[in-house]
């Protein structure tokens, strides 16, 4: 029973992270090429992916771990390319 509460709390944190990134991007508060946007997506997807492992839910595991890989790729890509003055990712 205790682990059920922990999984619920973790899933809320993961969902909140992803939703903060999504809403922030849609409302033009966050740049989709910025580090914060990609880190918050990475954290949210990693947490939700972990929760999906116990009990194992294949669809969610694939979705979340793909999201993690794409977020890591975006972070690495943004670190390699020089910052573009005046771009906001809109």
PDB file of N, CA and C in Angstrom:
ATOM      1  N   UNK A   1       0.821  -1.199   0.000  1.00  0.00           N
ATOM      2  CA  UNK A   1       0.000   0.000   0.000  1.00  0.00           C
ATOM      3  C   UNK A   1       0.866   1.265   0.000  1.00  0.00           C
ATOM      4  N   UNK A   2       1.949   1.230   0.782  1.00  0.00           N
ATOM      5  CA  UNK A   2       2.831   2.392   0.864  1.00  0.00           C
ATOM      6  C   UNK A   2       3.418   2.737  -0.506  1.00  0.00           C
ATOM      7  N   UNK A   3       3.825   1.717  -1.274  1.00  0.00           N
ATOM      8  CA  UNK A   3       4.413   1.970  -2.587  1.00  0.00           C
ATOM      9  C   UNK A   3       3.381   2.518  -3.576  1.00  0.00           C
ATOM     10  N   UNK A   4       2.107   2.207  -3.374  1.00  0.00           N
ATOM     11  CA  UNK A   4       1.067   2.782  -4.228  1.00  0.00           C
ATOM     12  C   UNK A   4       1.024   4.295  -4.082  1.00  0.00           C
ATOM     13  N   UNK A   5       1.139   4.781  -2.853  1.00  0.00           N
ATOM     14  CA  UNK A   5       1.142   6.226  -2.615  1.00  0.00           C
ATOM     15  C   UNK A   5       2.384   6.890  -3.211  1.00  0.00           C
ATOM     16  N   UNK A   6       3.503   6.209  -3.098  1.00  0.00           N
ATOM     17  CA  UNK A   6       4.740   6.738  -3.669  1.00  0.00           C
ATOM     18  C   UNK A   6       4.634   6.799  -5.189  1.00  0.00           C
ATOM     19  N   UNK A   7       4.124   5.739  -5.814  1.00  0.00           N
ATOM     20  CA  UNK A   7       3.945   5.740  -7.273  1.00  0.00           C
ATOM     21  C   UNK A   7       2.981   6.833  -7.721  1.00  0.00           C
ATOM     22  N   UNK A   8       1.916   7.036  -6.964  1.00  0.00           N
ATOM     23  CA  UNK A   8       0.962   8.098  -7.306  1.00  0.00           C
ATOM     24  C   UNK A   8       1.629   9.468  -7.197  1.00  0.00           C
ATOM     25  N   UNK A   9       2.392   9.680  -6.145  1.00  0.00           N
ATOM     26  CA  UNK A   9       3.095  10.959  -5.962  1.00  0.00           C
ATOM     27  C   UNK A   9       4.115  11.177  -7.073  1.00  0.00           C
ATOM     28  N   UNK A  10       4.871  10.134  -7.401  1.00  0.00           N
ATOM     29  CA  UNK A  10       5.852  10.245  -8.479  1.00  0.00           C
ATOM     30  C   UNK A  10       5.181  10.535  -9.817  1.00  0.00           C
ATOM     31  N   UNK A  11       4.063   9.868 -10.088  1.00  0.00           N
ATOM     32  CA  UNK A  11       3.388  10.108 -11.365  1.00  0.00           C
ATOM     33  C   UNK A  11       2.844  11.533 -11.441  1.00  0.00           C
ATOM     34  N   UNK A  12       2.412  12.078 -10.320  1.00  0.00           N
ATOM     35  CA  UNK A  12       1.967  13.480 -10.307  1.00  0.00           C
ATOM     36  C   UNK A  12       3.128  14.423 -10.590  1.00  0.00           C
ATOM     37  N   UNK A  13       4.279  14.156 -10.002  1.00  0.00           N
ATOM     38  CA  UNK A  13       5.463  14.995 -10.240  1.00  0.00           C
ATOM     39  C   UNK A  13       5.879  14.905 -11.706  1.00  0.00           C
ATOM     40  N   UNK A  14       5.928  13.693 -12.251  1.00  0.00           N
ATOM     41  CA  UNK A  14       6.314  13.517 -13.655  1.00  0.00           C
ATOM     42  C   UNK A  14       5.356  14.204 -14.606  1.00  0.00           C
ATOM     43  N   UNK A  15       4.062  14.022 -14.352  1.00  0.00           N
ATOM     44  CA  UNK A  15       3.057  14.669 -15.210  1.00  0.00           C
ATOM     45  C   UNK A  15       3.150  16.187 -15.100  1.00  0.00           C
ATOM     46  N   UNK A  16       3.365  16.692 -13.893  1.00  0.00           N
ATOM     47  CA  UNK A  16       3.484  18.142 -13.701  1.00  0.00           C
ATOM     48  C   UNK A  16       4.673  18.693 -14.480  1.00  0.00           C
ATOM     49  N   UNK A  17       5.795  17.985 -14.451  1.00  0.00           N
ATOM     50  CA  UNK A  17       6.970  18.438 -15.204  1.00  0.00           C
ATOM     51  C   UNK A  17       6.674  18.536 -16.694  1.00  0.00           C
ATOM     52  N   UNK A  18       6.094  17.487 -17.249  1.00  0.00           N
ATOM     53  CA  UNK A  18       5.800  17.480 -18.682  1.00  0.00           C
ATOM     54  C   UNK A  18       4.768  18.555 -19.026  1.00  0.00           C
ATOM     55  N   UNK A  19       3.769  18.708 -18.181  1.00  0.00           N
ATOM     56  CA  UNK A  19       2.743  19.723 -18.446  1.00  0.00           C
ATOM     57  C   UNK A  19       3.283  21.138 -18.313  1.00  0.00           C
ATOM     58  N   UNK A  20       4.203  21.369 -17.392  1.00  0.00           N
ATOM     59  CA  UNK A  20       4.830  22.690 -17.281  1.00  0.00           C
ATOM     60  C   UNK A  20       5.560  23.017 -18.575  1.00  0.00           C
ATOM     61  N   UNK A  21       6.310  22.049 -19.093  1.00  0.00           N
ATOM     62  CA  UNK A  21       7.010  22.263 -20.357  1.00  0.00           C
ATOM     63  C   UNK A  21       6.056  22.503 -21.507  1.00  0.00           C
ATOM     64  N   UNK A  22       5.010  21.695 -21.584  1.00  0.00           N
ATOM     65  CA  UNK A  22       4.048  21.809 -22.682  1.00  0.00           C
ATOM     66  C   UNK A  22       3.305  23.143 -22.643  1.00  0.00           C
ATOM     67  N   UNK A  23       2.748  23.471 -21.497  1.00  0.00           N
ATOM     68  CA  UNK A  23       1.997  24.727 -21.368  1.00  0.00           C
ATOM     69  C   UNK A  23       2.928  25.923 -21.556  1.00  0.00           C
ATOM     70  N   UNK A  24       4.110  25.844 -20.968  1.00  0.00           N
ATOM     71  CA  UNK A  24       5.075  26.934 -21.134  1.00  0.00           C
ATOM     72  C   UNK A  24       5.440  27.167 -22.585  1.00  0.00           C
ATOM     73  N   UNK A  25       5.588  26.101 -23.334  1.00  0.00           N
ATOM     74  CA  UNK A  25       5.910  26.238 -24.756  1.00  0.00           C
ATOM     75  C   UNK A  25       4.715  26.791 -25.539  1.00  0.00           C
ATOM     76  N   UNK A  26       3.531  26.265 -25.277  1.00  0.00           N
ATOM     77  CA  UNK A  26       2.335  26.703 -25.999  1.00  0.00           C
ATOM     78  C   UNK A  26       2.024  28.176 -25.744  1.00  0.00           C
ATOM     79  N   UNK A  27       2.315  28.644 -24.555  1.00  0.00           N
ATOM     80  CA  UNK A  27       2.041  30.041 -24.208  1.00  0.00           C
ATOM     81  C   UNK A  27       3.251  30.946 -24.459  1.00  0.00           C
ATOM     82  N   UNK A  28       4.286  30.386 -25.094  1.00  0.00           N
ATOM     83  CA  UNK A  28       5.496  31.122 -25.458  1.00  0.00           C
ATOM     84  C   UNK A  28       6.256  31.646 -24.246  1.00  0.00           C
ATOM     85  N   UNK A  29       6.154  30.933 -23.134  1.00  0.00           N
ATOM     86  CA  UNK A  29       6.938  31.278 -21.951  1.00  0.00           C
ATOM     87  C   UNK A  29       8.281  30.562 -21.979  1.00  0.00           C
ATOM     88  N   UNK A  30       8.328  29.425 -22.669  1.00  0.00           N
ATOM     89  CA  UNK A  30       9.542  28.621 -22.734  1.00  0.00           C
ATOM     90  C   UNK A  30       9.951  28.410 -24.185  1.00  0.00           C
ATOM     91  N   UNK A  31      11.239  28.425 -24.401  1.00  0.00           N
ATOM     92  CA  UNK A  31      11.816  28.155 -25.710  1.00  0.00           C
ATOM     93  C   UNK A  31      12.048  26.648 -25.813  1.00  0.00           C
ATOM     94  N   UNK A  32      11.490  26.026 -26.829  1.00  0.00           N
ATOM     95  CA  UNK A  32      11.617  24.577 -26.971  1.00  0.00           C
ATOM     96  C   UNK A  32      13.054  24.131 -27.225  1.00  0.00           C
ATOM     97  N   UNK A  33      13.926  25.051 -27.555  1.00  0.00           N
ATOM     98  CA  UNK A  33      15.335  24.716 -27.742  1.00  0.00           C
ATOM     99  C   UNK A  33      16.151  25.050 -26.504  1.00  0.00           C
ATOM    100  N   UNK A  34      15.509  25.603 -25.480  1.00  0.00           N
ATOM    101  CA  UNK A  34      16.207  25.971 -24.261  1.00  0.00           C
ATOM    102  C   UNK A  34      16.443  24.785 -23.335  1.00  0.00           C
ATOM    103  N   UNK A  35      17.430  24.935 -22.476  1.00  0.00           N
ATOM    104  CA  UNK A  35      17.793  23.856 -21.553  1.00  0.00           C
ATOM    105  C   UNK A  35      16.664  23.542 -20.576  1.00  0.00           C
ATOM    106  N   UNK A  36      16.020  24.553 -20.002  1.00  0.00           N
ATOM    107  CA  UNK A  36      14.986  24.289 -18.998  1.00  0.00           C
ATOM    108  C   UNK A  36      13.855  23.447 -19.584  1.00  0.00           C
ATOM    109  N   UNK A  37      13.404  23.795 -20.762  1.00  0.00           N
ATOM    110  CA  UNK A  37      12.322  23.058 -21.416  1.00  0.00           C
ATOM    111  C   UNK A  37      12.699  21.584 -21.589  1.00  0.00           C
ATOM    112  N   UNK A  38      13.899  21.337 -22.071  1.00  0.00           N
ATOM    113  CA  UNK A  38      14.324  19.962 -22.325  1.00  0.00           C
ATOM    114  C   UNK A  38      14.629  19.206 -21.044  1.00  0.00           C
ATOM    115  N   UNK A  39      15.169  19.884 -20.045  1.00  0.00           N
ATOM    116  CA  UNK A  39      15.434  19.216 -18.766  1.00  0.00           C
ATOM    117  C   UNK A  39      14.127  18.845 -18.084  1.00  0.00           C
ATOM    118  N   UNK A  40      13.159  19.734 -18.093  1.00  0.00           N
ATOM    119  CA  UNK A  40      11.894  19.429 -17.420  1.00  0.00           C
ATOM    120  C   UNK A  40      11.156  18.295 -18.141  1.00  0.00           C
ATOM    121  N   UNK A  41      11.264  18.231 -19.463  1.00  0.00           N
ATOM    122  CA  UNK A  41      10.701  17.101 -20.205  1.00  0.00           C
ATOM    123  C   UNK A  41      11.444  15.809 -19.876  1.00  0.00           C
ATOM    124  N   UNK A  42      12.757  15.888 -19.797  1.00  0.00           N
ATOM    125  CA  UNK A  42      13.569  14.718 -19.456  1.00  0.00           C
ATOM    126  C   UNK A  42      13.211  14.188 -18.069  1.00  0.00           C
ATOM    127  N   UNK A  43      13.137  15.074 -17.092  1.00  0.00           N
ATOM    128  CA  UNK A  43      12.808  14.658 -15.719  1.00  0.00           C
ATOM    129  C   UNK A  43      11.411  14.046 -15.668  1.00  0.00           C
ATOM    130  N   UNK A  44      10.445  14.716 -16.268  1.00  0.00           N
ATOM    131  CA  UNK A  44       9.074  14.209 -16.254  1.00  0.00           C
ATOM    132  C   UNK A  44       8.949  12.854 -16.916  1.00  0.00           C
ATOM    133  N   UNK A  45       9.572  12.697 -18.071  1.00  0.00           N
ATOM    134  CA  UNK A  45       9.496  11.425 -18.791  1.00  0.00           C
ATOM    135  C   UNK A  45      10.229  10.319 -18.050  1.00  0.00           C
ATOM    136  N   UNK A  46      11.364  10.646 -17.443  1.00  0.00           N
ATOM    137  CA  UNK A  46      12.115   9.639 -16.696  1.00  0.00           C
ATOM    138  C   UNK A  46      11.315   9.149 -15.490  1.00  0.00           C
ATOM    139  N   UNK A  47      10.693  10.078 -14.778  1.00  0.00           N
ATOM    140  CA  UNK A  47       9.887   9.698 -13.616  1.00  0.00           C
ATOM    141  C   UNK A  47       8.696   8.846 -14.048  1.00  0.00           C
ATOM    142  N   UNK A  48       7.988   9.288 -15.076  1.00  0.00           N
ATOM    143  CA  UNK A  48       6.836   8.513 -15.546  1.00  0.00           C
ATOM    144  C   UNK A  48       7.258   7.161 -16.130  1.00  0.00           C
ATOM    145  N   UNK A  49       8.411   7.123 -16.777  1.00  0.00           N
ATOM    146  CA  UNK A  49       8.925   5.853 -17.291  1.00  0.00           C
ATOM    147  C   UNK A  49       9.238   4.884 -16.162  1.00  0.00           C
ATOM    148  N   UNK A  50       9.830   5.399 -15.095  1.00  0.00           N
ATOM    149  CA  UNK A  50      10.119   4.562 -13.927  1.00  0.00           C
ATOM    150  C   UNK A  50       8.827   4.019 -13.314  1.00  0.00           C
ATOM    151  N   UNK A  51       7.843   4.881 -13.169  1.00  0.00           N
ATOM    152  CA  UNK A  51       6.560   4.449 -12.603  1.00  0.00           C
ATOM    153  C   UNK A  51       5.909   3.391 -13.491  1.00  0.00           C
ATOM    154  N   UNK A  52       6.068   3.523 -14.809  1.00  0.00           N
ATOM    155  CA  UNK A  52       5.460   2.568 -15.748  1.00  0.00           C
ATOM    156  C   UNK A  52       6.126   1.187 -15.695  1.00  0.00           C
ATOM    157  N   UNK A  53       7.322   1.122 -15.116  1.00  0.00           N
ATOM    158  CA  UNK A  53       8.003  -0.169 -15.006  1.00  0.00           C
ATOM    159  C   UNK A  53       7.397  -1.067 -13.936  1.00  0.00           C
ATOM    160  N   UNK A  54       6.763  -0.466 -12.929  1.00  0.00           N
ATOM    161  CA  UNK A  54       6.251  -1.234 -11.779  1.00  0.00           C
ATOM    162  C   UNK A  54       4.810  -0.866 -11.490  1.00  0.00           C
ATOM    163  N   UNK A  55       3.812  -1.561 -11.938  1.00  0.00           N
ATOM    164  CA  UNK A  55       3.847  -2.761 -12.762  1.00  0.00           C
ATOM    165  C   UNK A  55       4.140  -2.397 -14.220  1.00  0.00           C
ATOM    166  N   UNK A  56       4.719  -3.329 -14.908  1.00  0.00           N
ATOM    167  CA  UNK A  56       5.186  -3.109 -16.279  1.00  0.00           C
ATOM    168  C   UNK A  56       4.030  -2.809 -17.222  1.00  0.00           C
ATOM    169  N   UNK A  57       4.084  -1.640 -17.849  1.00  0.00           N
ATOM    170  CA  UNK A  57       3.098  -1.208 -18.844  1.00  0.00           C
ATOM    171  C   UNK A  57       3.868  -0.864 -20.121  1.00  0.00           C
ATOM    172  N   UNK A  58       3.934  -1.801 -21.058  1.00  0.00           N
ATOM    173  CA  UNK A  58       4.798  -1.683 -22.229  1.00  0.00           C
ATOM    174  C   UNK A  58       4.564  -0.401 -23.034  1.00  0.00           C
ATOM    175  N   UNK A  59       3.326  -0.027 -23.237  1.00  0.00           N
ATOM    176  CA  UNK A  59       3.036   1.178 -24.017  1.00  0.00           C
ATOM    177  C   UNK A  59       3.606   2.431 -23.370  1.00  0.00           C
ATOM    178  N   UNK A  60       3.438   2.540 -22.071  1.00  0.00           N
ATOM    179  CA  UNK A  60       3.949   3.715 -21.359  1.00  0.00           C
ATOM    180  C   UNK A  60       5.464   3.681 -21.238  1.00  0.00           C
ATOM    181  N   UNK A  61       6.026   2.493 -21.078  1.00  0.00           N
ATOM    182  CA  UNK A  61       7.487   2.379 -21.007  1.00  0.00           C
ATOM    183  C   UNK A  61       8.106   2.858 -22.316  1.00  0.00           C
ATOM    184  N   UNK A  62       7.573   2.394 -23.448  1.00  0.00           N
ATOM    185  CA  UNK A  62       8.086   2.816 -24.759  1.00  0.00           C
ATOM    186  C   UNK A  62       7.919   4.321 -24.940  1.00  0.00           C
ATOM    187  N   UNK A  63       6.741   4.830 -24.638  1.00  0.00           N
ATOM    188  CA  UNK A  63       6.474   6.266 -24.786  1.00  0.00           C
ATOM    189  C   UNK A  63       7.432   7.098 -23.948  1.00  0.00           C
ATOM    190  N   UNK A  64       7.535   6.798 -22.672  1.00  0.00           N
ATOM    191  CA  UNK A  64       8.327   7.635 -21.776  1.00  0.00           C
ATOM    192  C   UNK A  64       9.825   7.532 -22.029  1.00  0.00           C
ATOM    193  N   UNK A  65      10.312   6.327 -22.302  1.00  0.00           N
ATOM    194  CA  UNK A  65      11.745   6.211 -22.541  1.00  0.00           C
ATOM    195  C   UNK A  65      12.145   6.766 -23.905  1.00  0.00           C
ATOM    196  N   UNK A  66      11.239   6.745 -24.869  1.00  0.00           N
ATOM    197  CA  UNK A  66      11.496   7.444 -26.129  1.00  0.00           C
ATOM    198  C   UNK A  66      11.565   8.943 -25.876  1.00  0.00           C
ATOM    199  N   UNK A  67      10.660   9.442 -25.031  1.00  0.00           N
ATOM    200  CA  UNK A  67      10.645  10.857 -24.671  1.00  0.00           C
ATOM    201  C   UNK A  67      11.964  11.247 -23.993  1.00  0.00           C
ATOM    202  N   UNK A  68      12.480  10.373 -23.133  1.00  0.00           N
ATOM    203  CA  UNK A  68      13.763  10.618 -22.466  1.00  0.00           C
ATOM    204  C   UNK A  68      14.882  10.727 -23.497  1.00  0.00           C
ATOM    205  N   UNK A  69      14.942   9.791 -24.429  1.00  0.00           N
ATOM    206  CA  UNK A  69      15.999   9.789 -25.438  1.00  0.00           C
ATOM    207  C   UNK A  69      15.931  11.052 -26.298  1.00  0.00           C
ATOM    208  N   UNK A  70      14.741  11.432 -26.717  1.00  0.00           N
ATOM    209  CA  UNK A  70      14.588  12.636 -27.540  1.00  0.00           C
ATOM    210  C   UNK A  70      14.978  13.883 -26.744  1.00  0.00           C
ATOM    211  N   UNK A  71      14.617  13.929 -25.480  1.00  0.00           N
ATOM    212  CA  UNK A  71      14.983  15.079 -24.636  1.00  0.00           C
ATOM    213  C   UNK A  71      16.495  15.172 -24.458  1.00  0.00           C
ATOM    214  N   UNK A  72      17.138  14.037 -24.257  1.00  0.00           N
ATOM    215  CA  UNK A  72      18.605  14.044 -24.136  1.00  0.00           C
ATOM    216  C   UNK A  72      19.240  14.509 -25.443  1.00  0.00           C
ATOM    217  N   UNK A  73      18.725  14.005 -26.570  1.00  0.00           N
ATOM    218  CA  UNK A  73      19.239  14.436 -27.874  1.00  0.00           C
ATOM    219  C   UNK A  73      19.095  15.956 -28.049  1.00  0.00           C
ATOM    220  N   UNK A  74      17.927  16.482 -27.692  1.00  0.00           N
ATOM    221  CA  UNK A  74      17.696  17.926 -27.834  1.00  0.00           C
ATOM    222  C   UNK A  74      18.637  18.721 -26.934  1.00  0.00           C
ATOM    223  N   UNK A  75      18.871  18.240 -25.729  1.00  0.00           N
ATOM    224  CA  UNK A  75      19.806  18.927 -24.827  1.00  0.00           C
ATOM    225  C   UNK A  75      21.217  18.929 -25.392  1.00  0.00           C
ATOM    226  N   UNK A  76      21.664  17.776 -25.876  1.00  0.00           N
ATOM    227  CA  UNK A  76      23.003  17.698 -26.448  1.00  0.00           C
ATOM    228  C   UNK A  76      23.132  18.554 -27.704  1.00  0.00           C
ATOM    229  N   UNK A  77      22.094  18.556 -28.519  1.00  0.00           N
ATOM    230  CA  UNK A  77      22.096  19.357 -29.751  1.00  0.00           C
ATOM    231  C   UNK A  77      22.179  20.845 -29.414  1.00  0.00           C
ATOM    232  N   UNK A  78      21.421  21.281 -28.405  1.00  0.00           N
ATOM    233  CA  UNK A  78      21.425  22.696 -28.048  1.00  0.00           C
ATOM    234  C   UNK A  78      22.754  23.111 -27.424  1.00  0.00           C
ATOM    235  N   UNK A  79      23.450  22.188 -26.785  1.00  0.00           N
ATOM    236  CA  UNK A  79      24.752  22.513 -26.199  1.00  0.00           C
ATOM    237  C   UNK A  79      25.831  22.629 -27.252  1.00  0.00           C
ATOM    238  N   UNK A  80      25.668  21.893 -28.357  1.00  0.00           N
ATOM    239  CA  UNK A  80      26.666  21.906 -29.429  1.00  0.00           C
ATOM    240  C   UNK A  80      26.550  23.120 -30.324  1.00  0.00           C
ATOM    241  N   UNK A  81      25.319  23.584 -30.558  1.00  0.00           N
ATOM    242  CA  UNK A  81      25.136  24.699 -31.488  1.00  0.00           C
ATOM    243  C   UNK A  81      25.161  26.014 -30.718  1.00  0.00           C
ATOM    244  N   UNK A  82      25.793  27.029 -31.299  1.00  0.00           N
ATOM    245  CA  UNK A  82      25.849  28.330 -30.623  1.00  0.00           C
ATOM    246  C   UNK A  82      24.458  28.935 -30.511  1.00  0.00           C
ATOM    247  N   UNK A  83      24.262  29.712 -29.465  1.00  0.00           N
ATOM    248  CA  UNK A  83      22.957  30.376 -29.246  1.00  0.00           C
ATOM    249  C   UNK A  83      22.695  31.347 -30.393  1.00  0.00           C
ATOM    250  N   UNK A  84      21.472  31.312 -30.868  1.00  0.00           N
ATOM    251  CA  UNK A  84      21.070  32.200 -31.952  1.00  0.00           C
ATOM    252  C   UNK A  84      20.379  33.411 -31.341  1.00  0.00           C
ATOM    253  N   UNK A  85      20.925  34.562 -31.568  1.00  0.00           N
ATOM    254  CA  UNK A  85      20.358  35.802 -31.021  1.00  0.00           C
ATOM    255  C   UNK A  85      18.994  36.051 -31.659  1.00  0.00           C
ATOM    256  N   UNK A  86      18.024  36.332 -30.821  1.00  0.00           N
ATOM    257  CA  UNK A  86      16.719  36.732 -31.310  1.00  0.00           C
ATOM    258  C   UNK A  86      15.790  35.580 -31.651  1.00  0.00           C
ATOM    259  N   UNK A  87      16.184  34.326 -31.458  1.00  0.00           N
ATOM    260  CA  UNK A  87      15.266  33.236 -31.752  1.00  0.00           C
ATOM    261  C   UNK A  87      14.574  32.801 -30.483  1.00  0.00           C
ATOM    262  N   UNK A  88      13.308  32.467 -30.622  1.00  0.00           N
ATOM    263  CA  UNK A  88      12.545  32.052 -29.434  1.00  0.00           C
ATOM    264  C   UNK A  88      11.916  30.685 -29.632  1.00  0.00           C
ATOM    265  N   UNK A  89      12.143  30.019 -30.735  1.00  0.00           N
ATOM    266  CA  UNK A  89      11.592  28.696 -30.962  1.00  0.00           C
ATOM    267  C   UNK A  89      10.094  28.707 -31.277  1.00  0.00           C
ATOM    268  N   UNK A  90       9.563  29.836 -31.645  1.00  0.00           N
ATOM    269  CA  UNK A  90       8.120  29.932 -31.933  1.00  0.00           C
ATOM    270  C   UNK A  90       7.848  29.641 -33.367  1.00  0.00           C
TER     271      UNK A  90
END
